[in-house]
Amino acid sequence: MTEQFPTDWSHAVIVVAHPDDPEYGIAHAVSQWTREGRRVSYLLLTSGEAGIQGMEPAECGPLREEEQRRAGMHVGVTDIEFLGLPDSRLSDVDDLAGKVAEALTRYADADLIVCSYRGPEYAPGIPNQPDHIVTGEATVAAVAGRDLWVFEAGPDGTDHVDVDEQDVAAAVASLAEHRVYLEVLDPDTPVIEQARAQVDRVTDRSAGSPRISLGLVHAAGK
């Protein structure tokens, strides 16, 4: 049984590896938070430049950055930073935790961090990507000792965020902004259908109303 997500915070930073990572699991919570008047920032370690098959990185990176900016607008996020680290090779980056820590100094007032899921699988037979794992591990190491809430976005939920259908719709619209990425990923399924199916997969409706779960890594003040 998950607990109610904390409310005693005002600025969250979502730290992920690639464009579209926020939309694949947490965008409806972000929509809820920004509608409540909270500030949310996105920190992306790469530009996803290796993420579209058949497209050169020099073209792909800027395209995916722009898709991410449009996606953020649907859920109230305009503060989006790309560190420009190498997509699909984050495990090769020297002192990745140090680079994340340096970047987070620009968000000194943040009191909540959400990082990529660190587990090996999202579900049986669905492996996690190495970039996601090392991003989560680097983020947790980067904020060690700080008095803030730290959660990871993934299947091992400890706390739940109640959202409503407006937030679910915003999450679908947000993911659908990654149009070129999704069209190449699955050319036979319309982008909006792909987006709706993914958001439905990570939305828990067992309690009757929609919610998502996040895994507690560290509690503020503990």
C-alpha atoms as a PDB file:
ATOM      1  CA  MET A   1       0.000   0.000   0.000  1.00  0.00           C
ATOM      2  CA  THR A   2       1.489   3.335  -0.993  1.00  0.00           C
ATOM      3  CA  GLU A   3       1.429   6.465   1.129  1.00  0.00           C
ATOM      4  CA  GLN A   4       0.155   9.879   0.119  1.00  0.00           C
ATOM      5  CA  PHE A   5       2.881  11.862  -1.633  1.00  0.00           C
ATOM      6  CA  PRO A   6       4.338  14.718   0.489  1.00  0.00           C
ATOM      7  CA  THR A   7       2.959  18.224   0.055  1.00  0.00           C
ATOM      8  CA  ASP A   8       5.546  20.258   1.977  1.00  0.00           C
ATOM      9  CA  TRP A   9       7.620  21.309  -1.021  1.00  0.00           C
ATOM     10  CA  SER A  10       7.535  24.062  -3.644  1.00  0.00           C
ATOM     11  CA  HIS A  11      10.148  23.331  -6.352  1.00  0.00           C
ATOM     12  CA  ALA A  12      10.830  19.954  -7.961  1.00  0.00           C
ATOM     13  CA  VAL A  13      13.611  19.048 -10.371  1.00  0.00           C
ATOM     14  CA  ILE A  14      13.012  16.028 -12.605  1.00  0.00           C
ATOM     15  CA  VAL A  15      16.390  14.530 -13.584  1.00  0.00           C
ATOM     16  CA  VAL A  16      16.278  12.162 -16.555  1.00  0.00           C
ATOM     17  CA  ALA A  17      18.494  10.899 -19.342  1.00  0.00           C
ATOM     18  CA  HIS A  18      16.551  11.681 -22.522  1.00  0.00           C
ATOM     19  CA  PRO A  19      13.796  13.768 -24.079  1.00  0.00           C
ATOM     20  CA  ASP A  20      10.481  11.928 -23.580  1.00  0.00           C
ATOM     21  CA  ASP A  21      11.611  10.321 -20.299  1.00  0.00           C
ATOM     22  CA  PRO A  22       9.382  12.655 -18.202  1.00  0.00           C
ATOM     23  CA  GLU A  23       6.426  11.911 -20.463  1.00  0.00           C
ATOM     24  CA  TYR A  24       6.793   8.152 -20.177  1.00  0.00           C
ATOM     25  CA  GLY A  25       5.870   8.050 -16.521  1.00  0.00           C
ATOM     26  CA  ILE A  26       5.446  11.263 -14.577  1.00  0.00           C
ATOM     27  CA  ALA A  27       3.884  13.956 -16.783  1.00  0.00           C
ATOM     28  CA  HIS A  28       0.416  13.702 -15.238  1.00  0.00           C
ATOM     29  CA  ALA A  29       1.886  14.250 -11.774  1.00  0.00           C
ATOM     30  CA  VAL A  30       3.838  17.223 -13.125  1.00  0.00           C
ATOM     31  CA  SER A  31       0.600  18.634 -14.528  1.00  0.00           C
ATOM     32  CA  GLN A  32      -1.060  18.267 -11.129  1.00  0.00           C
ATOM     33  CA  TRP A  33       1.855  19.938  -9.358  1.00  0.00           C
ATOM     34  CA  THR A  34       2.073  22.939 -11.658  1.00  0.00           C
ATOM     35  CA  ARG A  35      -1.699  23.436 -11.492  1.00  0.00           C
ATOM     36  CA  GLU A  36      -1.271  23.598  -7.713  1.00  0.00           C
ATOM     37  CA  GLY A  37       1.182  26.448  -8.227  1.00  0.00           C
ATOM     38  CA  ARG A  38       4.373  24.496  -7.632  1.00  0.00           C
ATOM     39  CA  ARG A  39       7.464  25.006  -9.772  1.00  0.00           C
ATOM     40  CA  VAL A  40       8.830  22.076 -11.780  1.00  0.00           C
ATOM     41  CA  SER A  41      12.102  22.062 -13.726  1.00  0.00           C
ATOM     42  CA  TYR A  42      13.415  19.409 -16.099  1.00  0.00           C
ATOM     43  CA  LEU A  43      17.121  18.539 -16.175  1.00  0.00           C
ATOM     44  CA  LEU A  44      18.001  16.237 -19.084  1.00  0.00           C
ATOM     45  CA  LEU A  45      21.472  14.750 -19.230  1.00  0.00           C
ATOM     46  CA  THR A  46      21.416  14.200 -23.001  1.00  0.00           C
ATOM     47  CA  SER A  47      19.568  15.572 -26.006  1.00  0.00           C
ATOM     48  CA  GLY A  48      18.532  12.095 -27.133  1.00  0.00           C
ATOM     49  CA  GLU A  49      20.625  12.501 -30.264  1.00  0.00           C
ATOM     50  CA  ALA A  50      21.051   8.731 -30.726  1.00  0.00           C
ATOM     51  CA  GLY A  51      17.369   7.986 -30.245  1.00  0.00           C
ATOM     52  CA  ILE A  52      15.871   8.084 -33.737  1.00  0.00           C
ATOM     53  CA  GLN A  53      16.937   5.318 -36.080  1.00  0.00           C
ATOM     54  CA  GLY A  54      18.229   6.571 -39.419  1.00  0.00           C
ATOM     55  CA  MET A  55      18.681  10.174 -38.284  1.00  0.00           C
ATOM     56  CA  GLU A  56      22.095  11.743 -37.778  1.00  0.00           C
ATOM     57  CA  PRO A  57      22.818  12.973 -34.228  1.00  0.00           C
ATOM     58  CA  ALA A  58      23.408  16.544 -35.423  1.00  0.00           C
ATOM     59  CA  GLU A  59      19.834  16.638 -36.738  1.00  0.00           C
ATOM     60  CA  CYS A  60      18.252  14.417 -34.127  1.00  0.00           C
ATOM     61  CA  GLY A  61      19.459  16.230 -31.001  1.00  0.00           C
ATOM     62  CA  PRO A  62      17.979  19.669 -31.789  1.00  0.00           C
ATOM     63  CA  LEU A  63      14.753  18.068 -33.042  1.00  0.00           C
ATOM     64  CA  ARG A  64      14.295  16.101 -29.833  1.00  0.00           C
ATOM     65  CA  GLU A  65      15.108  19.122 -27.684  1.00  0.00           C
ATOM     66  CA  GLU A  66      12.368  21.058 -29.449  1.00  0.00           C
ATOM     67  CA  GLU A  67       9.913  18.185 -29.037  1.00  0.00           C
ATOM     68  CA  GLN A  68      10.724  18.188 -25.319  1.00  0.00           C
ATOM     69  CA  ARG A  69      10.129  21.926 -24.990  1.00  0.00           C
ATOM     70  CA  ARG A  70       6.725  21.592 -26.648  1.00  0.00           C
ATOM     71  CA  ALA A  71       5.924  18.601 -24.437  1.00  0.00           C
ATOM     72  CA  GLY A  72       6.732  20.543 -21.292  1.00  0.00           C
ATOM     73  CA  MET A  73       4.313  23.307 -22.163  1.00  0.00           C
ATOM     74  CA  HIS A  74       1.346  20.923 -21.910  1.00  0.00           C
ATOM     75  CA  VAL A  75       2.125  20.279 -18.235  1.00  0.00           C
ATOM     76  CA  GLY A  76       3.266  23.749 -17.210  1.00  0.00           C
ATOM     77  CA  VAL A  77       7.042  23.267 -17.528  1.00  0.00           C
ATOM     78  CA  THR A  78       9.139  25.837 -19.375  1.00  0.00           C
ATOM     79  CA  ASP A  79      12.349  25.542 -17.320  1.00  0.00           C
ATOM     80  CA  ILE A  80      14.150  22.804 -19.273  1.00  0.00           C
ATOM     81  CA  GLU A  81      17.925  22.322 -19.338  1.00  0.00           C
ATOM     82  CA  PHE A  82      19.972  19.926 -21.479  1.00  0.00           C
ATOM     83  CA  LEU A  83      23.477  19.055 -20.274  1.00  0.00           C
ATOM     84  CA  GLY A  84      24.607  17.744 -23.672  1.00  0.00           C
ATOM     85  CA  LEU A  85      26.173  14.538 -22.383  1.00  0.00           C
ATOM     86  CA  PRO A  86      26.444  11.601 -24.833  1.00  0.00           C
ATOM     87  CA  ASP A  87      23.216   9.731 -25.472  1.00  0.00           C
ATOM     88  CA  SER A  88      23.488   5.947 -24.973  1.00  0.00           C
ATOM     89  CA  ARG A  89      26.974   6.381 -23.437  1.00  0.00           C
ATOM     90  CA  LEU A  90      26.285   7.932 -20.049  1.00  0.00           C
ATOM     91  CA  SER A  91      28.016   5.017 -18.329  1.00  0.00           C
ATOM     92  CA  ASP A  92      31.238   6.186 -20.017  1.00  0.00           C
ATOM     93  CA  VAL A  93      31.037   9.714 -18.577  1.00  0.00           C
ATOM     94  CA  ASP A  94      33.676  10.421 -15.934  1.00  0.00           C
ATOM     95  CA  ASP A  95      32.218  11.578 -12.586  1.00  0.00           C
ATOM     96  CA  LEU A  96      28.634  11.648 -13.798  1.00  0.00           C
ATOM     97  CA  ALA A  97      27.400  12.279 -10.245  1.00  0.00           C
ATOM     98  CA  GLY A  98      29.687  15.287 -10.007  1.00  0.00           C
ATOM     99  CA  LYS A  99      28.290  16.707 -13.234  1.00  0.00           C
ATOM    100  CA  VAL A 100      24.726  16.229 -11.993  1.00  0.00           C
ATOM    101  CA  ALA A 101      25.626  17.819  -8.660  1.00  0.00           C
ATOM    102  CA  GLU A 102      27.159  20.808 -10.434  1.00  0.00           C
ATOM    103  CA  ALA A 103      24.042  21.241 -12.557  1.00  0.00           C
ATOM    104  CA  LEU A 104      21.786  21.050  -9.506  1.00  0.00           C
ATOM    105  CA  THR A 105      23.593  24.005  -7.929  1.00  0.00           C
ATOM    106  CA  ARG A 106      21.577  26.078 -10.415  1.00  0.00           C
ATOM    107  CA  TYR A 107      18.433  24.860  -8.640  1.00  0.00           C
ATOM    108  CA  ALA A 108      19.466  25.749  -5.114  1.00  0.00           C
ATOM    109  CA  ASP A 109      15.897  26.292  -3.941  1.00  0.00           C
ATOM    110  CA  ALA A 110      14.722  22.835  -5.038  1.00  0.00           C
ATOM    111  CA  ASP A 111      13.252  20.754  -2.230  1.00  0.00           C
ATOM    112  CA  LEU A 112      12.160  17.722  -4.242  1.00  0.00           C
ATOM    113  CA  ILE A 113      14.111  15.611  -6.747  1.00  0.00           C
ATOM    114  CA  VAL A 114      12.635  12.921  -8.987  1.00  0.00           C
ATOM    115  CA  CYS A 115      15.169  10.778 -10.819  1.00  0.00           C
ATOM    116  CA  SER A 116      15.099   7.966 -13.352  1.00  0.00           C
ATOM    117  CA  TYR A 117      14.272   4.463 -12.159  1.00  0.00           C
ATOM    118  CA  ARG A 118      17.372   2.505 -11.143  1.00  0.00           C
ATOM    119  CA  GLY A 119      16.043  -1.056 -11.248  1.00  0.00           C
ATOM    120  CA  PRO A 120      17.043  -3.576 -13.922  1.00  0.00           C
ATOM    121  CA  GLU A 121      13.501  -4.126 -15.263  1.00  0.00           C
ATOM    122  CA  TYR A 122      10.294  -2.121 -15.473  1.00  0.00           C
ATOM    123  CA  ALA A 123       8.413  -5.427 -15.552  1.00  0.00           C
ATOM    124  CA  PRO A 124       9.367  -9.038 -16.250  1.00  0.00           C
ATOM    125  CA  GLY A 125      10.928  -9.114 -19.688  1.00  0.00           C
ATOM    126  CA  ILE A 126      11.005  -5.319 -20.034  1.00  0.00           C
ATOM    127  CA  PRO A 127      14.593  -4.267 -19.264  1.00  0.00           C
ATOM    128  CA  ASN A 128      15.527  -0.818 -18.097  1.00  0.00           C
ATOM    129  CA  GLN A 129      17.932   1.173 -20.272  1.00  0.00           C
ATOM    130  CA  PRO A 130      21.510   1.612 -18.993  1.00  0.00           C
ATOM    131  CA  ASP A 131      21.278   5.389 -19.428  1.00  0.00           C
ATOM    132  CA  HIS A 132      18.246   5.454 -17.129  1.00  0.00           C
ATOM    133  CA  ILE A 133      19.949   3.361 -14.470  1.00  0.00           C
ATOM    134  CA  VAL A 134      23.150   5.401 -14.337  1.00  0.00           C
ATOM    135  CA  THR A 135      21.184   8.665 -14.396  1.00  0.00           C
ATOM    136  CA  GLY A 136      19.210   7.563 -11.366  1.00  0.00           C
ATOM    137  CA  GLU A 137      22.292   6.356  -9.519  1.00  0.00           C
ATOM    138  CA  ALA A 138      24.224   9.527 -10.319  1.00  0.00           C
ATOM    139  CA  THR A 139      21.359  11.716  -9.167  1.00  0.00           C
ATOM    140  CA  VAL A 140      20.952   9.901  -5.863  1.00  0.00           C
ATOM    141  CA  ALA A 141      24.705  10.200  -5.274  1.00  0.00           C
ATOM    142  CA  ALA A 142      24.681  13.869  -6.287  1.00  0.00           C
ATOM    143  CA  VAL A 143      22.086  14.853  -3.680  1.00  0.00           C
ATOM    144  CA  ALA A 144      23.350  12.661  -0.838  1.00  0.00           C
ATOM    145  CA  GLY A 145      23.213  14.505   2.457  1.00  0.00           C
ATOM    146  CA  ARG A 146      20.910  17.274   1.244  1.00  0.00           C
ATOM    147  CA  ASP A 147      17.720  18.005   3.164  1.00  0.00           C
ATOM    148  CA  LEU A 148      15.194  17.312   0.443  1.00  0.00           C
ATOM    149  CA  TRP A 149      12.753  14.718  -0.787  1.00  0.00           C
ATOM    150  CA  VAL A 150      14.146  12.253  -3.334  1.00  0.00           C
ATOM    151  CA  PHE A 151      11.965   9.887  -5.357  1.00  0.00           C
ATOM    152  CA  GLU A 152      12.505   7.711  -8.394  1.00  0.00           C
ATOM    153  CA  ALA A 153       9.999   7.278 -11.217  1.00  0.00           C
ATOM    154  CA  GLY A 154       9.363   3.613 -11.806  1.00  0.00           C
ATOM    155  CA  PRO A 155       7.355   0.546 -10.861  1.00  0.00           C
ATOM    156  CA  ASP A 156       8.448   0.184  -7.230  1.00  0.00           C
ATOM    157  CA  GLY A 157       6.093   2.789  -5.817  1.00  0.00           C
ATOM    158  CA  THR A 158       5.965   3.715  -2.140  1.00  0.00           C
ATOM    159  CA  ASP A 159       3.945   6.941  -2.418  1.00  0.00           C
ATOM    160  CA  HIS A 160       1.085   7.938  -4.694  1.00  0.00           C
ATOM    161  CA  VAL A 161       0.180  11.203  -6.392  1.00  0.00           C
ATOM    162  CA  ASP A 162      -3.530  11.741  -6.963  1.00  0.00           C
ATOM    163  CA  VAL A 163      -4.249  13.288 -10.354  1.00  0.00           C
ATOM    164  CA  ASP A 164      -7.426  13.872 -12.325  1.00  0.00           C
ATOM    165  CA  GLU A 165      -8.546  13.311 -15.880  1.00  0.00           C
ATOM    166  CA  GLN A 166      -7.324  16.766 -16.888  1.00  0.00           C
ATOM    167  CA  ASP A 167      -3.813  15.750 -15.874  1.00  0.00           C
ATOM    168  CA  VAL A 168      -4.093  12.430 -17.702  1.00  0.00           C
ATOM    169  CA  ALA A 169      -5.146  14.260 -20.869  1.00  0.00           C
ATOM    170  CA  ALA A 170      -2.259  16.701 -20.461  1.00  0.00           C
ATOM    171  CA  ALA A 171       0.157  13.779 -20.089  1.00  0.00           C
ATOM    172  CA  VAL A 172      -1.122  12.212 -23.309  1.00  0.00           C
ATOM    173  CA  ALA A 173      -0.808  15.510 -25.197  1.00  0.00           C
ATOM    174  CA  SER A 174       2.663  15.996 -23.744  1.00  0.00           C
ATOM    175  CA  LEU A 175       3.947  12.603 -24.870  1.00  0.00           C
ATOM    176  CA  ALA A 176       2.347  13.039 -28.292  1.00  0.00           C
ATOM    177  CA  GLU A 177       4.579  16.075 -28.876  1.00  0.00           C
ATOM    178  CA  HIS A 178       7.443  13.605 -29.387  1.00  0.00           C
ATOM    179  CA  ARG A 179       5.919  13.036 -32.786  1.00  0.00           C
ATOM    180  CA  VAL A 180       8.957  12.210 -34.916  1.00  0.00           C
ATOM    181  CA  TYR A 181      10.412   9.943 -32.241  1.00  0.00           C
ATOM    182  CA  LEU A 182       7.158   7.999 -31.893  1.00  0.00           C
ATOM    183  CA  GLU A 183       6.503   7.814 -35.634  1.00  0.00           C
ATOM    184  CA  VAL A 184       9.843   6.095 -36.149  1.00  0.00           C
ATOM    185  CA  LEU A 185       9.436   3.922 -33.061  1.00  0.00           C
ATOM    186  CA  ASP A 186       6.105   2.530 -34.278  1.00  0.00           C
ATOM    187  CA  PRO A 187       5.166   3.698 -37.772  1.00  0.00           C
ATOM    188  CA  ASP A 188       2.011   1.558 -37.828  1.00  0.00           C
ATOM    189  CA  THR A 189       0.323   3.107 -34.775  1.00  0.00           C
ATOM    190  CA  PRO A 190      -0.855   6.744 -34.720  1.00  0.00           C
ATOM    191  CA  VAL A 191       1.190   8.871 -32.336  1.00  0.00           C
ATOM    192  CA  ILE A 192      -1.796   9.847 -30.198  1.00  0.00           C
ATOM    193  CA  GLU A 193      -2.702   6.173 -29.728  1.00  0.00           C
ATOM    194  CA  GLN A 194       0.860   5.340 -28.684  1.00  0.00           C
ATOM    195  CA  ALA A 195       0.814   8.210 -26.214  1.00  0.00           C
ATOM    196  CA  ARG A 196      -2.555   7.250 -24.752  1.00  0.00           C
ATOM    197  CA  ALA A 197      -1.544   3.608 -24.346  1.00  0.00           C
ATOM    198  CA  GLN A 198       1.685   4.505 -22.536  1.00  0.00           C
ATOM    199  CA  VAL A 199      -0.004   6.934 -20.154  1.00  0.00           C
ATOM    200  CA  ASP A 200      -2.691   4.343 -19.427  1.00  0.00           C
ATOM    201  CA  ARG A 201       0.007   1.772 -18.609  1.00  0.00           C
ATOM    202  CA  VAL A 202       1.511   3.929 -15.860  1.00  0.00           C
ATOM    203  CA  THR A 203      -1.778   5.272 -14.484  1.00  0.00           C
ATOM    204  CA  ASP A 204      -3.135   3.391 -11.477  1.00  0.00           C
ATOM    205  CA  ARG A 205      -6.945   3.378 -11.430  1.00  0.00           C
ATOM    206  CA  SER A 206      -7.358   0.632  -8.829  1.00  0.00           C
ATOM    207  CA  ALA A 207      -8.559   3.139  -6.229  1.00  0.00           C
ATOM    208  CA  GLY A 208     -11.246   4.441  -8.569  1.00  0.00           C
ATOM    209  CA  SER A 209      -9.573   7.716  -9.497  1.00  0.00           C
ATOM    210  CA  PRO A 210      -6.284   8.073 -11.400  1.00  0.00           C
ATOM    211  CA  ARG A 211      -2.982   8.258  -9.592  1.00  0.00           C
ATOM    212  CA  ILE A 212       0.651   7.405 -10.147  1.00  0.00           C
ATOM    213  CA  SER A 213       3.236   5.972  -7.785  1.00  0.00           C
ATOM    214  CA  LEU A 214       6.805   7.049  -7.110  1.00  0.00           C
ATOM    215  CA  GLY A 215       9.452   5.285  -5.062  1.00  0.00           C
ATOM    216  CA  LEU A 216      10.843   7.068  -2.000  1.00  0.00           C
ATOM    217  CA  VAL A 217      14.635   7.197  -1.912  1.00  0.00           C
ATOM    218  CA  HIS A 218      15.143   9.764   0.846  1.00  0.00           C
ATOM    219  CA  ALA A 219      12.729  11.730   3.045  1.00  0.00           C
ATOM    220  CA  ALA A 220      13.383  15.391   3.771  1.00  0.00           C
ATOM    221  CA  GLY A 221      14.528  15.987   7.320  1.00  0.00           C
ATOM    222  CA  LYS A 222      15.626  12.381   7.842  1.00  0.00           C
END
